Amino acid sequence: MTTTETSLGRLATLDPAFAQLVGATAKHVRAIPELTEREKTFLCVTADVCQASLGLAFTAHVRAGLAAGVSTSDVRELLRFVSYDCGYHAATAGIERIAELEAELGIDPELTAPEPVPDGPSPLPDEVRTRLNELDPHFTGYFDLQSRMRAGHGPGTLSERERGLVSLSVDVHYQTLEDTFRIHVGRALRGGAPPDDVRAALRFIAQFGVTRAWHAWEALNAILAES
């Protein structure tokens, strides 16, 4: 759990030895230079949602993001995006919690009326749609809908690099380290993240489960060796 001084103090009242472990871990991973503070915040919040950790850890991560210039609107956009992969039920809990934090902190969220759900061609690559169709055509239609709703890259949206790093992190948490992990690593690379930055993301994610990260390293190294 990457956290702020305030949350470490809270942890110290619960268990000082554990707080020491958390503080040392946070110092180690926060020093990773290849990732921006915004990316680190996104990776932390994604871990919270995927692992249903919306208490002290989520609060600490959002507060750390605010201190680094990441707005709650940015966090909301992240939650909308990850709902694709982590599931709407998990993302709903995150939306509820960020709304509670905004109320506690006196933040007026920037909520705008949504655009109509887009129609039109699928943004999925043809080879991906072909493989999905082999599984189930209705599932392909669902994938098409989700992809169209997240295809924008205008103001307030995540960059392609951020989308790739966040998506591959979901795979690490759920250990879906085959087809989708390969696609998401490719998205991060296409978004301008060099291989060393993708590795840096996995180094950062290790704090959320070292055994999960171990398996992900095996998959990531195999993918990067092919490129």
Foldseek 3Di string as FASTA:
>chain_A
DQFDPVLLVVVCVVPVVVSVVNVVLNVVLVPLPLDDLLLLLLLQCLLCLLVVPLPSSVVGSVVSCVVSPQDLLLVLQSLLLCCLPSNPVSSVVVVVSSVVVCVVVVHDDDDDDDDPQDDDDAPDDPVVLVVVVVVPNVVSVVVRSSRSNQVDDDPSHDQQLSSLLSQLSSCLSVVVLPDSNLVSVVSNVVRPQPLVSSVSSLVSSCVSPVVSSVSNVVSSVVSVVVD
